Amino acid sequence: MNTEPKRNDPGSVRQALRQAPARFLRACLHNWGWKLLSLFLAVCLWAGLITQDPTLTRERVFSDVPVTVTGTDTLISNGLIVLSGLEDEELSVRLRVNVPQRSYSNAQASNYNPRVDVSRITDTGEQTLRIQASSTTTYGTVTSISPDSLTVIVDEYVTNYRIPITLNVIGSCPEGYYASAPQLDPGTVAVSGPRTIVDQIAGITADYDLSRLSAKEGQVRSALPMKVLDAEGNELDRSLLRITNAGVTLRTITVEQKLYPTKALTVSDLVQLEGEPAKGYEVKNVTISPVSVLAAGDSTALETLDTLFTTASIDLAGRSEGFATELTLRKPSTLSYLSTDTVTVQVEIGPIITTESFSGVRLSVRNLPSGLSAGLAQRTVNVDVTGPQNTVSRLSASKITAYVDASGLTVGEYALPVMLVLDADDPDTLTWTADPAKASVTLLTK
C-alpha cells in the first residue's frame, strides 16, 4: 500500500498562526505566579554572583581630583623648600579607574588618594615629581593619571635671626588724649624660608593707626599684621616665610600703649633773677614763650595742677642789653608728658631813665640882627633833663647852654621860646624842659 506524504495545507498553516498568540498567552498564564517567582529568583542569583566576583569591573572617570602634598616638613628639615609648582589651583588630576561592579556606585575620588611626596627631593632647582594614587581590591585599580607628574622649583630653606620690627605710626590720638611711646612685643624676630626671599629681607614693619584708638584712659593692646620689606621698602611675599620668636610662630605683632588725658597748664612768669645789670641799667620786661604747655597724666593728677614753674634762675650780672635764654620746666612726677620741656625767656634790659634839675642856667640871645640890641626880662632859666641815668649824671649847669633866637626880627618886644644845647655824650637820648619855656626879649636900635 503506497502511502503518499501528506502535504501541508495552506489553510491549516494560516489557522495555526492565528491561534499561536492565544496559545502563547495561555502558556504564560498557566502557573504564572510560579513562573514570575522563578524569574525573580534567577535575577537575584545573577546579581549576587556579579557582586561577589571581583573580576567583573567597570571603568569610571573622576575629574578635578585634588592632589595631596606630603613630606613638606621632612623636606624643610632637610634644608629645602618648594618655591612654586604646588599652587592650589594647579593641584588636580583626572583619574581613570577600573571599579569592581559591587563598589561602582559607592566609589569616590578620595578613595584613590592622588598625592606627591616632596620629601623625595634632594636638590634645588627644577624637579619633576610623579603623582601616585592608591589601588585597592575594594575600589579597584587606577589605570591612568592625567597629568601623571608635576614640575616644581626648589630652593634652600634658611633662617635669618634678629630681624628688627619697626612701627609705621600714622594718624593722631583721639582729641584730648596723649599716647605713650608704643612698646613692641617682640622687638626682633627670626624669619625662615626660601633663600631667594630671606636674603632680600631688610626689616619688618607694621602700620599703627593712632586714630583707631578708643578715647579712653588706660592700657591699650593691639595685634597688628606684619609686612616684610626689602632694602628699597618694597613688600615681599610672606606666604612661604615663617616668622618666629623663641620658636613660636607669629601671625601678628603686639603693640602696647597707654592713653592719658591731656590738659593745658600755664607757665608761671615768676622767673628767678640773680645779680644786677650793669650800672645805669635795669630789667624792663621779662616774657616767656610759650605761655602754656600741654600736659598728660593720670586724670587725678591733672586735676590738682594748673601752673608749671621753671627750674633755674637767670644771671643778670653786668648785662646792659636784652637777651633770650632757655629754661627747663619743672615736671611733676605725676605727669607722663609735656609738649615741651623748655621755655624761652626773653629778658629786656635798658638804661635807667632819670630826670635831673638844673637851676640858674644863663640865658643869652643868638642871631641878633645888625644894628639892634636886646634886653632880656630874666637872665637865667631852670632846666629839667630826662634821659639815661649814665648820661644825665654826667651833666652840669655849665654844660647846658640856654638861648633865644632873634634871627629875622625887628625892633619890638617878643616872647621867644627858650632853646637848649646840651654838652652830653649822646644828646639825642635826652629830653628837656625849660622854666620859663619862653623868655621876654626887647629889641632896640643901638
Protein backbone atom coordinates (compact mmCIF):
# COMPACT_ATOMS: atom_id res chain seq x y z
CA MET A 1 0.00 0.00 0.00
CA ASN A 2 1.58 3.18 -1.12
CA THR A 3 1.49 6.00 1.32
CA GLU A 4 1.86 9.45 -0.13
CA PRO A 5 3.38 12.10 2.11
CA LYS A 6 0.91 14.47 3.45
CA ARG A 7 1.46 17.93 2.17
CA ASN A 8 0.85 20.99 4.32
CA ASP A 9 -2.40 22.55 3.77
CA PRO A 10 -2.03 26.26 3.35
CA GLY A 11 -5.24 26.83 5.14
CA SER A 12 -4.18 24.85 8.18
CA VAL A 13 -0.90 26.81 8.44
CA ARG A 14 -2.71 30.09 8.44
CA GLN A 15 -5.06 28.80 11.08
CA ALA A 16 -2.15 27.67 13.25
CA LEU A 17 -0.51 31.11 13.00
CA ARG A 18 -3.73 32.76 14.02
CA GLN A 19 -4.00 30.55 17.07
CA ALA A 20 -0.32 30.96 18.15
CA PRO A 21 -0.73 34.15 20.22
CA ALA A 22 -3.62 32.73 22.12
CA ARG A 23 -1.69 29.51 22.83
CA PHE A 24 1.36 31.51 23.97
CA LEU A 25 -0.76 33.63 26.29
CA ARG A 26 -2.36 30.51 27.77
CA ALA A 27 1.08 29.00 28.27
CA CYS A 28 2.30 32.19 30.05
CA LEU A 29 -0.74 32.44 32.24
CA HIS A 30 -0.53 28.82 33.21
CA ASN A 31 1.01 28.77 36.70
CA TRP A 32 2.04 32.41 36.17
CA GLY A 33 2.84 33.03 39.85
CA TRP A 34 5.45 30.30 39.99
CA LYS A 35 6.96 31.41 36.76
CA LEU A 36 7.26 35.05 37.99
CA LEU A 37 8.86 33.90 41.23
CA SER A 38 11.35 31.79 39.31
CA LEU A 39 12.30 34.76 37.15
CA PHE A 40 12.81 36.99 40.21
CA LEU A 41 15.00 34.39 41.92
CA ALA A 42 17.07 33.99 38.77
CA VAL A 43 17.71 37.75 38.56
CA CYS A 44 18.70 37.93 42.23
CA LEU A 45 21.04 34.99 41.82
CA TRP A 46 22.65 36.62 38.79
CA ALA A 47 23.10 39.93 40.61
CA GLY A 48 24.59 38.20 43.64
CA LEU A 49 27.09 36.34 41.51
CA ILE A 50 28.17 39.56 39.77
CA THR A 51 28.67 41.50 43.02
CA GLN A 52 30.77 38.72 44.52
CA ASP A 53 33.08 38.40 41.56
CA PRO A 54 35.93 40.94 41.80
CA THR A 55 36.93 40.27 38.23
CA LEU A 56 33.78 41.93 37.00
CA THR A 57 34.71 45.69 36.73
CA ARG A 58 33.50 48.82 35.05
CA GLU A 59 35.60 51.85 34.09
CA ARG A 60 34.89 55.10 35.87
CA VAL A 61 36.48 58.54 35.34
CA PHE A 62 36.98 61.15 38.05
CA SER A 63 37.85 64.73 37.03
CA ASP A 64 39.39 67.61 39.01
CA VAL A 65 40.58 65.36 41.80
CA PRO A 66 42.72 67.33 44.29
CA VAL A 67 46.27 66.13 44.82
CA THR A 68 47.59 65.82 48.38
CA VAL A 69 51.11 67.06 49.09
CA THR A 70 53.09 65.11 51.71
CA GLY A 71 56.59 65.33 53.11
CA THR A 72 56.86 69.14 53.33
CA ASP A 73 58.10 69.07 56.94
CA THR A 74 60.68 66.42 56.08
CA LEU A 75 61.82 68.47 53.10
CA ILE A 76 62.25 71.58 55.27
CA SER A 77 64.17 69.61 57.89
CA ASN A 78 66.47 68.59 55.04
CA GLY A 79 67.11 72.27 54.28
CA LEU A 80 64.94 72.56 51.15
CA ILE A 81 61.59 74.16 50.30
CA VAL A 82 59.34 74.21 47.23
CA LEU A 83 59.10 77.72 45.77
CA SER A 84 56.47 77.10 43.12
CA GLY A 85 54.53 74.34 41.42
CA LEU A 86 52.31 73.37 44.33
CA GLU A 87 49.78 76.18 43.98
CA ASP A 88 46.30 75.02 44.99
CA GLU A 89 44.62 75.81 41.69
CA GLU A 90 47.06 73.57 39.81
CA LEU A 91 46.98 70.53 42.08
CA SER A 92 44.22 68.47 40.49
CA VAL A 93 44.24 65.44 38.17
CA ARG A 94 41.94 63.24 36.11
CA LEU A 95 41.72 59.60 37.24
CA ARG A 96 40.64 56.63 35.15
CA VAL A 97 39.74 53.65 37.37
CA ASN A 98 38.52 50.07 36.84
CA VAL A 99 35.98 49.81 39.67
CA PRO A 100 34.57 46.43 40.84
CA GLN A 101 30.93 46.16 39.95
CA ARG A 102 29.91 45.79 43.57
CA SER A 103 31.59 49.14 44.53
CA TYR A 104 30.78 51.13 41.43
CA SER A 105 28.07 53.30 42.93
CA ASN A 106 29.98 53.91 46.21
CA ALA A 107 33.37 54.75 44.76
CA GLN A 108 34.59 58.33 45.33
CA ALA A 109 37.65 60.21 44.10
CA SER A 110 39.04 60.41 47.63
CA ASN A 111 39.27 56.60 47.74
CA TYR A 112 42.30 56.75 45.45
CA ASN A 113 44.27 59.48 47.27
CA PRO A 114 46.30 61.05 44.45
CA ARG A 115 49.45 62.53 46.03
CA VAL A 116 53.01 63.72 45.60
CA ASP A 117 55.75 63.15 48.15
CA VAL A 118 58.13 66.14 48.19
CA SER A 119 60.38 64.50 50.79
CA ARG A 120 61.99 62.60 47.92
CA ILE A 121 63.53 65.85 46.61
CA THR A 122 67.27 66.06 47.24
CA ASP A 123 68.40 69.10 45.26
CA THR A 124 67.49 72.68 44.38
CA GLY A 125 66.23 73.93 41.04
CA GLU A 126 63.60 72.40 38.77
CA GLN A 127 62.39 68.96 39.90
CA THR A 128 59.81 66.57 38.43
CA LEU A 129 57.59 64.61 40.84
CA ARG A 130 55.50 61.56 39.97
CA ILE A 131 51.86 61.69 41.07
CA GLN A 132 50.88 58.48 42.86
CA ALA A 133 47.46 57.02 43.61
CA SER A 134 46.15 54.12 45.72
CA SER A 135 44.61 50.97 44.17
CA THR A 136 42.59 48.59 46.36
CA THR A 137 40.58 45.41 45.94
CA THR A 138 37.56 47.26 47.28
CA TYR A 139 37.55 50.27 44.96
CA GLY A 140 39.57 48.98 42.07
CA THR A 141 42.71 49.83 40.17
CA VAL A 142 43.78 53.26 38.91
CA THR A 143 44.68 52.72 35.27
CA SER A 144 45.77 56.28 34.40
CA ILE A 145 46.51 59.66 35.98
CA SER A 146 46.46 62.79 33.91
CA PRO A 147 48.75 64.57 34.31
CA ASP A 148 50.94 61.88 35.83
CA SER A 149 53.64 64.28 37.12
CA LEU A 150 54.27 67.90 38.02
CA THR A 151 57.29 70.20 37.94
CA VAL A 152 58.32 72.25 40.97
CA ILE A 153 61.04 74.80 41.71
CA VAL A 154 63.08 74.06 44.83
CA ASP A 155 65.21 76.47 46.88
CA GLU A 156 67.33 76.27 50.03
CA TYR A 157 65.48 76.71 53.32
CA VAL A 158 67.38 79.19 55.55
CA THR A 159 66.78 81.29 58.67
CA ASN A 160 67.69 84.94 59.30
CA TYR A 161 67.80 85.78 63.00
CA ARG A 162 67.18 89.05 64.90
CA ILE A 163 65.39 90.96 62.18
CA PRO A 164 64.14 94.26 63.73
CA ILE A 165 60.48 95.23 63.75
CA THR A 166 59.53 98.87 63.30
CA LEU A 167 56.22 100.68 63.57
CA ASN A 168 54.86 102.98 60.90
CA VAL A 169 52.79 105.26 63.11
CA ILE A 170 50.05 107.14 61.29
CA GLY A 171 47.11 109.25 62.37
CA SER A 172 46.80 111.04 65.70
CA CYS A 173 45.41 110.23 69.12
CA PRO A 174 41.78 110.91 69.94
CA GLU A 175 41.28 114.55 70.81
CA GLY A 176 42.07 115.27 74.43
CA TYR A 177 44.40 112.30 74.87
CA TYR A 178 48.10 111.52 74.67
CA ALA A 179 49.56 108.09 73.92
CA SER A 180 52.80 106.96 75.49
CA ALA A 181 55.55 105.52 73.30
CA PRO A 182 54.33 102.20 71.83
CA GLN A 183 56.07 99.07 73.06
CA LEU A 184 56.59 96.18 70.62
CA ASP A 185 56.38 92.57 71.70
CA PRO A 186 58.70 91.21 70.45
CA GLY A 187 61.14 93.76 69.04
CA THR A 188 63.05 91.29 66.85
CA VAL A 189 62.09 88.04 65.14
CA ALA A 190 63.62 85.19 63.16
CA VAL A 191 62.43 84.61 59.60
CA SER A 192 62.76 81.24 57.85
CA GLY A 193 62.02 80.49 54.21
CA PRO A 194 63.48 80.28 50.71
CA ARG A 195 66.94 81.78 50.47
CA THR A 196 65.95 83.87 47.44
CA ILE A 197 63.36 85.66 49.61
CA VAL A 198 65.07 85.65 53.02
CA ASP A 199 68.25 87.22 51.61
CA GLN A 200 66.19 90.22 50.43
CA ILE A 201 64.67 90.98 53.84
CA ALA A 202 65.80 94.30 55.31
CA GLY A 203 63.19 94.60 58.05
CA ILE A 204 59.65 94.01 59.17
CA THR A 205 57.13 96.78 59.76
CA ALA A 206 53.57 97.16 60.94
CA ASP A 207 51.16 100.05 60.34
CA TYR A 208 49.85 101.54 63.58
CA ASP A 209 46.94 103.95 63.20
CA LEU A 210 46.54 106.07 66.35
CA SER A 211 43.18 107.39 65.17
CA ARG A 212 41.70 103.91 65.71
CA LEU A 213 42.32 104.04 69.45
CA SER A 214 39.31 104.48 71.69
CA ALA A 215 39.07 107.77 73.57
CA LYS A 216 39.50 106.11 76.95
CA GLU A 217 42.20 106.36 79.61
CA GLY A 218 44.18 103.20 80.24
CA GLN A 219 46.35 100.49 78.70
CA VAL A 220 45.71 99.57 75.06
CA ARG A 221 46.90 96.38 73.33
CA SER A 222 46.71 95.95 69.57
CA ALA A 223 47.58 92.99 67.32
CA LEU A 224 48.94 94.24 64.01
CA PRO A 225 49.65 92.37 60.77
CA MET A 226 53.28 92.48 59.69
CA LYS A 227 54.81 93.43 56.35
CA VAL A 228 58.17 92.07 55.23
CA LEU A 229 60.20 94.69 53.33
CA ASP A 230 63.34 94.68 51.20
CA ALA A 231 66.06 97.35 51.29
CA GLU A 232 64.06 99.59 48.94
CA GLY A 233 60.90 99.40 51.03
CA ASN A 234 59.05 97.02 48.72
CA GLU A 235 56.81 94.43 50.35
CA LEU A 236 57.89 90.81 49.90
CA ASP A 237 55.60 87.79 49.58
CA ARG A 238 55.49 86.16 53.02
CA SER A 239 53.34 83.14 52.10
CA LEU A 240 56.44 80.89 52.16
CA LEU A 241 58.01 82.58 55.19
CA ARG A 242 57.80 81.51 58.81
CA ILE A 243 58.20 84.33 61.33
CA THR A 244 59.07 83.16 64.85
CA ASN A 245 60.22 84.36 68.22
CA ALA A 246 61.65 81.88 70.73
CA GLY A 247 60.37 79.10 68.49
CA VAL A 248 56.78 80.36 68.46
CA THR A 249 55.25 81.17 65.08
CA LEU A 250 53.91 84.73 64.89
CA ARG A 251 51.00 85.84 62.75
CA THR A 252 50.78 89.35 64.21
CA ILE A 253 52.87 91.70 66.33
CA THR A 254 51.59 93.02 69.66
CA VAL A 255 51.75 96.74 70.47
CA GLU A 256 51.13 98.05 73.98
CA GLN A 257 50.45 101.67 74.73
CA LYS A 258 48.85 103.76 77.47
CA LEU A 259 46.42 106.61 76.87
CA TYR A 260 46.43 109.62 79.18
CA PRO A 261 44.05 112.60 79.25
CA THR A 262 45.63 115.99 78.47
CA LYS A 263 45.36 119.47 79.97
CA ALA A 264 46.84 122.89 79.11
CA LEU A 265 48.95 124.20 82.02
CA THR A 266 50.06 127.82 82.38
CA VAL A 267 53.79 128.58 82.62
CA SER A 268 54.44 130.94 85.52
CA ASP A 269 56.11 134.25 84.64
CA LEU A 270 57.72 134.39 88.08
CA VAL A 271 61.24 133.75 86.88
CA GLN A 272 64.00 133.96 89.47
CA LEU A 273 66.54 136.66 88.57
CA GLU A 274 70.00 136.84 90.12
CA GLY A 275 72.69 139.54 90.05
CA GLU A 276 72.42 143.16 88.98
CA PRO A 277 72.62 144.58 85.46
CA ALA A 278 75.41 146.99 84.59
CA LYS A 279 75.39 150.34 86.37
CA GLY A 280 72.69 152.58 84.99
CA TYR A 281 70.68 149.66 83.54
CA GLU A 282 67.62 147.80 84.72
CA VAL A 283 65.29 144.97 83.67
CA LYS A 284 62.47 146.43 81.66
CA ASN A 285 60.42 143.32 80.95
CA VAL A 286 60.50 139.52 81.12
CA THR A 287 58.39 137.44 78.73
CA ILE A 288 58.03 133.66 78.44
CA SER A 289 57.19 131.63 75.34
CA PRO A 290 55.12 129.55 75.20
CA VAL A 291 52.82 130.82 77.90
CA SER A 292 51.20 127.39 78.30
CA VAL A 293 52.12 123.78 77.55
CA LEU A 294 50.10 120.61 77.04
CA ALA A 295 50.50 118.07 79.82
CA ALA A 296 49.33 114.47 80.09
CA GLY A 297 48.99 112.19 83.07
CA ASP A 298 46.54 110.38 85.26
CA SER A 299 43.28 112.27 85.45
CA THR A 300 43.55 112.55 89.24
CA ALA A 301 46.99 114.16 88.93
CA LEU A 302 45.87 116.64 86.29
CA GLU A 303 43.01 117.86 88.43
CA THR A 304 45.45 119.23 91.03
CA LEU A 305 47.71 121.08 88.58
CA ASP A 306 47.25 124.46 86.89
CA THR A 307 50.73 126.04 86.70
CA LEU A 308 54.26 124.96 85.84
CA PHE A 309 57.46 126.63 87.03
CA THR A 310 60.98 126.86 85.65
CA THR A 311 63.84 125.06 87.39
CA ALA A 312 66.71 127.59 87.18
CA SER A 313 67.41 131.27 87.73
CA ILE A 314 68.75 133.85 85.25
CA ASP A 315 72.02 135.67 85.97
CA LEU A 316 71.82 139.38 85.13
CA ALA A 317 75.23 140.40 86.43
CA GLY A 318 76.87 143.10 84.28
CA ARG A 319 74.33 142.89 81.45
CA SER A 320 73.46 146.06 79.55
CA GLU A 321 71.47 144.57 76.65
CA GLY A 322 68.43 142.36 76.32
CA PHE A 323 68.89 138.64 75.72
CA ALA A 324 67.00 135.35 75.39
CA THR A 325 67.68 132.09 77.19
CA GLU A 326 66.04 128.69 77.59
CA LEU A 327 64.92 127.37 80.95
CA THR A 328 63.85 123.86 81.79
CA LEU A 329 60.38 123.35 83.19
CA ARG A 330 59.94 121.57 86.47
CA LYS A 331 57.98 118.45 85.54
CA PRO A 332 55.96 116.92 88.37
CA SER A 333 56.49 113.17 88.77
CA THR A 334 52.76 112.61 88.37
CA LEU A 335 52.90 113.78 84.74
CA SER A 336 53.76 111.43 81.89
CA TYR A 337 54.19 114.01 79.15
CA LEU A 338 54.83 117.68 78.46
CA SER A 339 54.55 119.09 74.96
CA THR A 340 57.85 120.87 75.60
CA ASP A 341 60.45 120.50 78.34
CA THR A 342 61.82 124.04 77.99
CA VAL A 343 60.56 127.57 77.52
CA THR A 344 62.26 130.62 76.03
CA VAL A 345 62.65 133.56 78.40
CA GLN A 346 63.19 136.98 76.77
CA VAL A 347 64.78 139.49 79.18
CA GLU A 348 64.59 143.13 78.11
CA ILE A 349 67.31 145.30 79.68
CA GLY A 350 67.58 149.07 79.13
CA PRO A 351 69.09 152.16 80.67
CA ILE A 352 67.57 153.59 83.81
CA ILE A 353 65.70 156.77 82.84
CA THR A 354 66.07 159.60 85.30
CA THR A 355 65.35 163.33 85.49
CA GLU A 356 67.70 165.91 86.94
CA SER A 357 67.01 169.58 87.52
CA PHE A 358 69.49 172.36 86.85
CA SER A 359 68.80 175.93 88.14
CA GLY A 360 70.37 179.25 87.19
CA VAL A 361 71.33 178.28 83.65
CA ARG A 362 72.39 181.51 81.94
CA LEU A 363 70.16 182.71 79.10
CA SER A 364 71.53 184.51 76.02
CA VAL A 365 70.28 185.91 72.71
CA ARG A 366 71.63 184.49 69.47
CA ASN A 367 71.46 185.65 65.86
CA LEU A 368 70.69 189.28 66.82
CA PRO A 369 70.14 191.36 63.66
CA SER A 370 72.76 194.01 62.89
CA GLY A 371 72.12 197.44 64.41
CA LEU A 372 69.87 196.11 67.16
CA SER A 373 70.39 195.45 70.83
CA ALA A 374 68.47 193.05 73.03
CA GLY A 375 67.19 193.23 76.52
CA LEU A 376 66.04 190.14 78.48
CA ALA A 377 63.43 190.26 81.20
CA GLN A 378 65.41 187.49 83.01
CA ARG A 379 68.94 186.33 82.71
CA THR A 380 68.60 182.67 83.86
CA VAL A 381 66.22 179.72 83.45
CA ASN A 382 65.69 176.43 85.27
CA VAL A 383 66.13 173.24 83.20
CA ASP A 384 64.89 169.65 83.75
CA VAL A 385 66.78 166.98 81.69
CA THR A 386 65.41 163.46 81.31
CA GLY A 387 67.35 160.52 79.86
CA PRO A 388 69.60 157.57 80.60
CA GLN A 389 70.99 157.80 84.08
CA ASN A 390 74.58 157.36 82.92
CA THR A 391 74.25 160.29 80.51
CA VAL A 392 72.25 162.60 82.75
CA SER A 393 74.56 162.06 85.70
CA ARG A 394 77.49 163.49 83.73
CA LEU A 395 75.67 166.77 83.01
CA SER A 396 76.14 170.02 84.91
CA ALA A 397 74.73 173.53 84.56
CA SER A 398 77.94 174.60 82.87
CA LYS A 399 77.34 172.05 80.12
CA ILE A 400 73.91 173.45 79.33
CA THR A 401 73.53 176.46 77.04
CA ALA A 402 70.19 178.27 77.02
CA TYR A 403 69.31 180.87 74.39
CA VAL A 404 66.60 182.52 72.36
CA ASP A 405 66.88 183.00 68.59
CA ALA A 406 66.33 186.58 67.38
CA SER A 407 67.15 185.99 63.72
CA GLY A 408 64.90 187.93 61.30
CA LEU A 409 63.35 190.08 63.99
CA THR A 410 63.00 193.87 64.09
CA VAL A 411 62.56 196.42 66.86
CA GLY A 412 59.92 195.37 69.34
CA GLU A 413 59.04 193.13 72.27
CA TYR A 414 58.89 189.39 71.78
CA ALA A 415 58.17 186.21 73.79
CA LEU A 416 60.69 183.79 72.27
CA PRO A 417 60.96 180.07 73.05
CA VAL A 418 63.94 179.05 75.13
CA MET A 419 66.33 176.71 73.28
CA LEU A 420 69.00 174.49 74.83
CA VAL A 421 72.30 172.95 73.72
CA LEU A 422 73.40 170.02 75.89
CA ASP A 423 77.06 169.11 76.04
CA ALA A 424 76.48 165.35 76.52
CA ASP A 425 77.87 162.05 75.12
CA ASP A 426 74.59 161.15 73.42
CA PRO A 427 72.33 164.20 73.46
CA ASP A 428 69.78 162.55 71.15
CA THR A 429 68.77 160.28 74.04
CA LEU A 430 67.89 163.25 76.24
CA THR A 431 64.75 165.32 76.55
CA TRP A 432 64.43 168.61 78.43
CA THR A 433 62.08 171.33 79.59
CA ALA A 434 62.91 174.93 80.48
CA ASP A 435 61.21 177.14 83.04
CA PRO A 436 60.08 179.55 81.77
CA ALA A 437 59.53 177.96 78.40
CA LYS A 438 59.53 181.39 76.77
CA ALA A 439 61.62 184.44 77.51
CA SER A 440 60.56 188.11 77.12
CA VAL A 441 63.02 189.95 74.75
CA THR A 442 63.04 193.65 73.85
CA LEU A 443 64.88 194.60 70.64
CA LEU A 444 66.05 198.25 70.36
CA THR A 445 68.01 200.30 67.90
CA LYS A 446 71.53 200.91 69.04
